[in-house]
Amino acid sequence: MAGLTEDDFLDSIRKHIEDGVDFITVHCGVTRKCIPLLGSRIMGVVSRGGSFLIKWMLHHGQENPLFTRYDEILDMAKKYDVVLSLGDGLRPGCLADATDPAQIAELKTLGELAARAQAKDVQVMIEGPGHVPLHMIKENIDLQKKYCNGAPFYVLGPLVTDCSPGYDHLTGAIGGALAAYYGADFLCYLTPKEHLGLPDIKDVIDGVIASKIAAHAADIARGIPGARDRDDAMSRARSNLDWEGMYNIALNPEKARAIRKETGKDGAEVCTMCGDFCSAKINKECRGQYHI
């Protein structure tokens, strides 16, 4: 890090943009004025890009070049029609650090940078926090919308507890559902290996499905037209014990089919939970008599 120059940072961004990326995350809001605010944190800086820049600024005693030379980045993005994702290099890495002065100071800077991007007709979105307790999620969404003039907001989860390694895809989905309900525009998924290791394909699938469930639940709660159609179709298939229909509607048909097959009863009409006492089966038999 010590040997990197300001031009190295800008040249790296330029190379990615010229190579044809559609969007790029740039940590332009990590500034020197935020550094003293980090002392009271438990987790400090958990963003990789943010930590690089903090170390560079401390070593050189200079301001973040992605901040001081932001206009050059905007010109590159404008020329190649690239979306800028303004990364939150000071996002909270644990519940104790959520919505603290460092996070909010950077968010305000990101709002100013987003306005400058919009003024130059450069598409921009704002990266959001990763660890936020349930009761602070609405506040975080409201603050972003306030400071960033409604720029699209995406959140990393957020995780609503810190003690669930191995299940962080679920922890993030819980926070993601609430964030999406309150107005987050995009959810970034987490895998079961978050904080533990590099995910494999199965981990990625589990993480993406969990995030899709969160987004879908929020769409239903917000009354998005057509959002519940899939759920109503699943309910009709369940009511008729239409297993193939249920598989086709499921968010992960392969997993649903595999779980059913494991029971050894995949050819039977009823499930293995209640057997012949299946309420759906009894309901189907009685349905024609409900008019009495």
Protein backbone atom coordinates (compact mmCIF):
# COMPACT_ATOMS: atom_id res chain seq x y z
CA MET A 1 0.00 0.00 0.00
CA ALA A 2 2.80 2.44 0.87
CA GLY A 3 4.14 2.44 -2.68
CA LEU A 4 0.84 3.24 -4.38
CA THR A 5 0.43 6.70 -5.84
CA GLU A 6 -2.70 8.72 -6.54
CA ASP A 7 -2.28 7.91 -10.23
CA ASP A 8 -2.18 4.17 -9.42
CA PHE A 9 -5.66 4.40 -7.90
CA LEU A 10 -7.07 6.32 -10.84
CA ASP A 11 -5.32 4.11 -13.40
CA SER A 12 -6.82 1.00 -11.83
CA ILE A 13 -10.32 2.46 -12.06
CA ARG A 14 -9.66 3.55 -15.64
CA LYS A 15 -8.51 0.05 -16.62
CA HIS A 16 -11.65 -1.59 -15.26
CA ILE A 17 -13.88 0.95 -16.97
CA GLU A 18 -12.08 0.68 -20.29
CA ASP A 19 -12.24 -3.12 -20.02
CA GLY A 20 -16.03 -2.84 -20.16
CA VAL A 21 -17.49 -3.17 -16.66
CA ASP A 22 -21.07 -1.92 -16.29
CA PHE A 23 -20.59 -0.60 -12.77
CA ILE A 24 -17.72 -0.15 -10.39
CA THR A 25 -17.56 0.39 -6.64
CA VAL A 26 -15.42 3.35 -5.62
CA HIS A 27 -14.79 4.33 -2.00
CA CYS A 28 -14.76 8.08 -2.54
CA GLY A 29 -16.43 8.97 0.75
CA VAL A 30 -13.68 7.71 3.07
CA THR A 31 -12.04 10.98 4.05
CA ARG A 32 -9.42 12.04 6.58
CA LYS A 33 -11.98 13.83 8.73
CA CYS A 34 -13.62 10.46 9.47
CA ILE A 35 -10.48 8.79 10.83
CA PRO A 36 -10.72 10.20 14.40
CA LEU A 37 -14.30 8.89 14.56
CA LEU A 38 -13.11 5.28 14.28
CA GLY A 39 -11.42 5.08 17.68
CA SER A 40 -14.54 4.07 19.61
CA ARG A 41 -15.50 1.25 17.25
CA ILE A 42 -15.26 -2.45 18.10
CA MET A 43 -14.68 -3.61 14.52
CA GLY A 44 -12.98 -0.56 13.07
CA VAL A 45 -13.02 -0.67 9.25
CA VAL A 46 -14.33 -3.93 7.78
CA SER A 47 -14.51 -2.81 4.14
CA ARG A 48 -11.46 -4.05 2.23
CA GLY A 49 -11.39 -0.95 0.02
CA GLY A 50 -12.01 1.28 3.00
CA SER A 51 -9.18 -0.27 5.01
CA PHE A 52 -6.77 0.14 2.06
CA LEU A 53 -7.57 3.83 1.83
CA ILE A 54 -7.39 4.46 5.58
CA LYS A 55 -3.94 2.86 5.68
CA TRP A 56 -2.81 4.86 2.62
CA MET A 57 -4.01 8.16 4.08
CA LEU A 58 -2.35 7.48 7.44
CA HIS A 59 0.93 6.55 5.78
CA HIS A 60 1.06 9.50 3.37
CA GLY A 61 -0.72 12.10 5.49
CA GLN A 62 -2.85 12.96 2.46
CA GLU A 63 -6.54 13.01 1.57
CA ASN A 64 -8.22 10.11 -0.22
CA PRO A 65 -7.36 10.55 -3.93
CA LEU A 66 -10.70 9.05 -4.93
CA PHE A 67 -12.29 12.00 -3.13
CA THR A 68 -9.94 14.76 -4.31
CA ARG A 69 -9.97 13.52 -7.91
CA TYR A 70 -13.64 12.54 -8.01
CA ASP A 71 -14.32 14.72 -11.06
CA GLU A 72 -11.88 12.61 -13.07
CA ILE A 73 -13.75 9.48 -12.04
CA LEU A 74 -17.02 11.10 -13.07
CA ASP A 75 -15.57 11.96 -16.48
CA MET A 76 -14.51 8.35 -17.01
CA ALA A 77 -17.91 7.03 -15.94
CA LYS A 78 -19.68 9.53 -18.19
CA LYS A 79 -17.52 8.69 -21.22
CA TYR A 80 -18.13 4.93 -20.94
CA ASP A 81 -21.68 5.05 -19.50
CA VAL A 82 -20.63 3.26 -16.31
CA VAL A 83 -22.68 3.22 -13.11
CA LEU A 84 -20.78 4.32 -10.01
CA SER A 85 -21.50 2.44 -6.82
CA LEU A 86 -20.40 4.76 -4.05
CA GLY A 87 -19.07 2.27 -1.53
CA ASP A 88 -19.50 2.72 2.19
CA GLY A 89 -15.95 2.04 3.28
CA LEU A 90 -16.91 2.87 6.87
CA ARG A 91 -19.97 0.64 7.05
CA PRO A 92 -20.55 -0.92 10.47
CA GLY A 93 -19.06 -4.39 10.86
CA CYS A 94 -21.03 -5.20 14.00
CA LEU A 95 -24.22 -4.12 15.74
CA ALA A 96 -22.31 -1.99 18.25
CA ASP A 97 -20.93 0.19 15.43
CA ALA A 98 -24.23 0.64 13.57
CA THR A 99 -25.36 4.20 12.79
CA ASP A 100 -22.33 5.64 14.55
CA PRO A 101 -20.75 9.04 13.74
CA ALA A 102 -18.24 7.55 11.27
CA GLN A 103 -20.93 5.82 9.23
CA ILE A 104 -23.16 8.89 9.15
CA ALA A 105 -20.28 11.27 8.31
CA GLU A 106 -19.39 9.14 5.30
CA LEU A 107 -23.05 8.84 4.28
CA LYS A 108 -23.37 12.62 4.19
CA THR A 109 -20.27 12.82 1.98
CA LEU A 110 -21.70 10.13 -0.30
CA GLY A 111 -24.86 12.21 -0.62
CA GLU A 112 -22.81 15.20 -1.79
CA LEU A 113 -20.88 13.02 -4.23
CA ALA A 114 -24.11 11.48 -5.55
CA ALA A 115 -25.47 14.97 -6.26
CA ARG A 116 -22.32 15.83 -8.21
CA ALA A 117 -22.67 12.63 -10.22
CA GLN A 118 -26.32 13.33 -10.99
CA ALA A 119 -25.43 16.86 -12.08
CA LYS A 120 -23.04 15.36 -14.64
CA ASP A 121 -25.64 12.81 -15.75
CA VAL A 122 -23.67 9.90 -14.31
CA GLN A 123 -25.74 7.04 -12.92
CA VAL A 124 -24.97 6.41 -9.27
CA MET A 125 -26.10 4.17 -6.44
CA ILE A 126 -25.19 4.11 -2.75
CA GLU A 127 -23.83 1.09 -0.90
CA GLY A 128 -25.40 0.53 2.48
CA PRO A 129 -24.46 -0.97 5.82
CA GLY A 130 -23.80 -4.60 6.64
CA HIS A 131 -24.62 -4.99 10.36
CA VAL A 132 -27.69 -3.18 11.70
CA PRO A 133 -30.07 -4.25 14.50
CA LEU A 134 -33.71 -4.54 13.52
CA HIS A 135 -34.80 -1.38 15.30
CA MET A 136 -32.25 0.76 13.39
CA ILE A 137 -32.98 -0.45 9.86
CA LYS A 138 -35.75 2.07 9.13
CA GLU A 139 -33.59 4.89 10.48
CA ASN A 140 -30.74 3.86 8.18
CA ILE A 141 -32.98 3.79 5.11
CA ASP A 142 -34.55 7.15 6.00
CA LEU A 143 -31.14 8.77 6.52
CA GLN A 144 -29.86 7.52 3.17
CA LYS A 145 -32.90 8.81 1.32
CA LYS A 146 -32.54 12.14 3.11
CA TYR A 147 -28.83 12.70 2.53
CA CYS A 148 -28.57 11.09 -0.91
CA ASN A 149 -31.55 12.72 -2.61
CA GLY A 150 -33.29 9.43 -3.29
CA ALA A 151 -30.34 7.77 -5.07
CA PRO A 152 -30.81 3.99 -5.30
CA PHE A 153 -29.70 2.31 -2.09
CA TYR A 154 -28.42 -1.22 -1.73
CA VAL A 155 -27.67 -2.97 1.52
CA LEU A 156 -25.33 -5.82 2.45
CA GLY A 157 -27.93 -7.90 4.24
CA PRO A 158 -28.04 -6.19 6.62
CA LEU A 159 -27.20 -8.73 9.31
CA VAL A 160 -29.36 -8.24 12.39
CA THR A 161 -27.23 -10.24 14.81
CA ASP A 162 -23.50 -10.94 15.06
CA CYS A 163 -23.55 -14.42 16.61
CA SER A 164 -24.84 -16.61 13.76
CA PRO A 165 -21.82 -17.87 11.81
CA GLY A 166 -22.95 -20.60 9.44
CA TYR A 167 -26.39 -19.04 9.19
CA ASP A 168 -25.58 -15.49 8.11
CA HIS A 169 -27.56 -15.99 4.88
CA LEU A 170 -30.63 -16.24 7.13
CA THR A 171 -29.55 -13.39 9.40
CA GLY A 172 -29.02 -11.21 6.34
CA ALA A 173 -32.34 -12.21 4.81
CA ILE A 174 -34.18 -11.13 7.96
CA GLY A 175 -32.56 -7.70 7.78
CA GLY A 176 -32.93 -7.58 4.01
CA ALA A 177 -36.68 -8.15 4.16
CA LEU A 178 -37.12 -5.26 6.57
CA ALA A 179 -34.73 -3.00 4.64
CA ALA A 180 -36.54 -3.67 1.37
CA TYR A 181 -39.88 -3.01 3.04
CA TYR A 182 -38.64 0.39 4.24
CA GLY A 183 -37.31 1.37 0.83
CA ALA A 184 -33.95 -0.25 0.03
CA ASP A 185 -33.70 -0.66 -3.75
CA PHE A 186 -31.37 -3.64 -3.97
CA LEU A 187 -30.31 -6.46 -1.66
CA CYS A 188 -26.81 -7.92 -1.65
CA TYR A 189 -26.93 -11.56 -0.56
CA LEU A 190 -24.80 -13.33 2.02
CA THR A 191 -23.85 -16.99 2.13
CA PRO A 192 -23.63 -19.44 5.06
CA LYS A 193 -19.85 -19.05 4.86
CA GLU A 194 -19.90 -15.29 5.54
CA HIS A 195 -17.18 -14.50 8.13
CA LEU A 196 -15.92 -18.09 7.84
CA GLY A 197 -14.55 -18.85 4.39
CA LEU A 198 -14.88 -18.72 0.63
CA PRO A 199 -18.35 -19.96 -0.49
CA ASP A 200 -18.87 -22.79 -2.94
CA ILE A 201 -21.69 -23.12 -5.47
CA LYS A 202 -24.15 -24.54 -2.94
CA ASP A 203 -23.42 -21.70 -0.52
CA VAL A 204 -24.03 -19.15 -3.27
CA ILE A 205 -27.34 -20.79 -4.23
CA ASP A 206 -28.49 -20.84 -0.60
CA GLY A 207 -27.49 -17.21 -0.16
CA VAL A 208 -29.17 -15.99 -3.34
CA ILE A 209 -32.40 -17.87 -2.60
CA ALA A 210 -32.51 -16.48 0.96
CA SER A 211 -32.09 -12.95 -0.41
CA LYS A 212 -34.75 -13.55 -3.08
CA ILE A 213 -37.14 -14.69 -0.36
CA ALA A 214 -36.45 -11.48 1.57
CA ALA A 215 -37.01 -9.29 -1.49
CA HIS A 216 -40.18 -11.17 -2.45
CA ALA A 217 -41.60 -10.88 1.07
CA ALA A 218 -40.97 -7.12 1.01
CA ASP A 219 -42.62 -6.76 -2.42
CA ILE A 220 -45.74 -8.47 -1.08
CA ALA A 221 -45.82 -6.28 2.04
CA ARG A 222 -45.40 -3.13 -0.07
CA GLY A 223 -48.27 -4.11 -2.33
CA ILE A 224 -46.23 -4.33 -5.53
CA PRO A 225 -48.74 -5.30 -8.28
CA GLY A 226 -48.51 -8.99 -9.09
CA ALA A 227 -46.04 -9.74 -6.30
CA ARG A 228 -48.36 -12.23 -4.60
CA ASP A 229 -49.40 -14.04 -7.78
CA ARG A 230 -46.73 -16.69 -7.34
CA ASP A 231 -47.80 -17.32 -3.75
CA ASP A 232 -51.46 -17.66 -4.71
CA ALA A 233 -50.51 -20.09 -7.46
CA MET A 234 -48.52 -22.14 -4.93
CA SER A 235 -51.50 -22.16 -2.57
CA ARG A 236 -53.79 -23.46 -5.31
CA ALA A 237 -51.29 -26.19 -6.17
CA ARG A 238 -51.00 -27.19 -2.50
CA SER A 239 -54.75 -27.23 -2.10
CA ASN A 240 -54.99 -29.67 -5.00
CA LEU A 241 -51.94 -31.71 -3.91
CA ASP A 242 -50.40 -30.85 -7.27
CA TRP A 243 -46.78 -31.71 -6.53
CA GLU A 244 -45.44 -30.95 -10.01
CA GLY A 245 -47.16 -27.59 -9.89
CA MET A 246 -45.58 -26.86 -6.51
CA TYR A 247 -42.11 -27.75 -7.78
CA ASN A 248 -42.47 -25.50 -10.83
CA ILE A 249 -43.59 -22.52 -8.75
CA ALA A 250 -40.95 -22.94 -6.03
CA LEU A 251 -38.03 -20.50 -5.88
CA ASN A 252 -35.70 -23.51 -5.97
CA PRO A 253 -37.55 -26.35 -7.77
CA GLU A 254 -34.57 -28.70 -7.67
CA LYS A 255 -34.27 -28.53 -3.89
CA ALA A 256 -38.02 -28.91 -3.32
CA ARG A 257 -38.11 -31.96 -5.58
CA ALA A 258 -35.03 -33.48 -3.93
CA ILE A 259 -36.43 -33.06 -0.41
CA ARG A 260 -39.69 -34.69 -1.46
CA LYS A 261 -37.80 -37.56 -3.10
CA GLU A 262 -35.79 -38.19 0.07
CA THR A 263 -38.99 -39.12 1.89
CA GLY A 264 -39.49 -42.13 -0.34
CA LYS A 265 -43.09 -41.01 -0.87
CA ASP A 266 -42.61 -38.79 -3.90
CA GLY A 267 -45.13 -40.87 -5.86
CA ALA A 268 -47.81 -40.66 -3.17
CA GLU A 269 -50.60 -38.10 -3.14
CA VAL A 270 -50.03 -36.97 0.44
CA CYS A 271 -46.91 -35.80 2.24
CA THR A 272 -45.11 -37.81 4.93
CA MET A 273 -45.96 -35.39 7.73
CA CYS A 274 -49.60 -36.40 8.20
CA GLY A 275 -49.99 -39.31 5.77
CA ASP A 276 -53.60 -40.30 5.23
CA PHE A 277 -54.64 -37.70 7.80
CA CYS A 278 -53.36 -34.93 5.51
CA SER A 279 -55.55 -31.85 5.96
CA ALA A 280 -55.11 -30.89 2.29
CA LYS A 281 -56.36 -34.34 1.23
CA ILE A 282 -59.36 -34.14 3.57
CA ASN A 283 -60.10 -30.59 2.44
CA LYS A 284 -59.98 -31.71 -1.20
CA GLU A 285 -62.46 -34.49 -0.44
CA CYS A 286 -64.85 -32.15 1.38
CA ARG A 287 -64.53 -29.11 -0.87
CA GLY A 288 -67.70 -29.83 -2.83
CA GLN A 289 -69.80 -29.89 0.34
CA TYR A 290 -68.88 -26.41 1.62
CA HIS A 291 -72.08 -24.92 0.21
CA ILE A 292 -74.28 -26.32 3.00
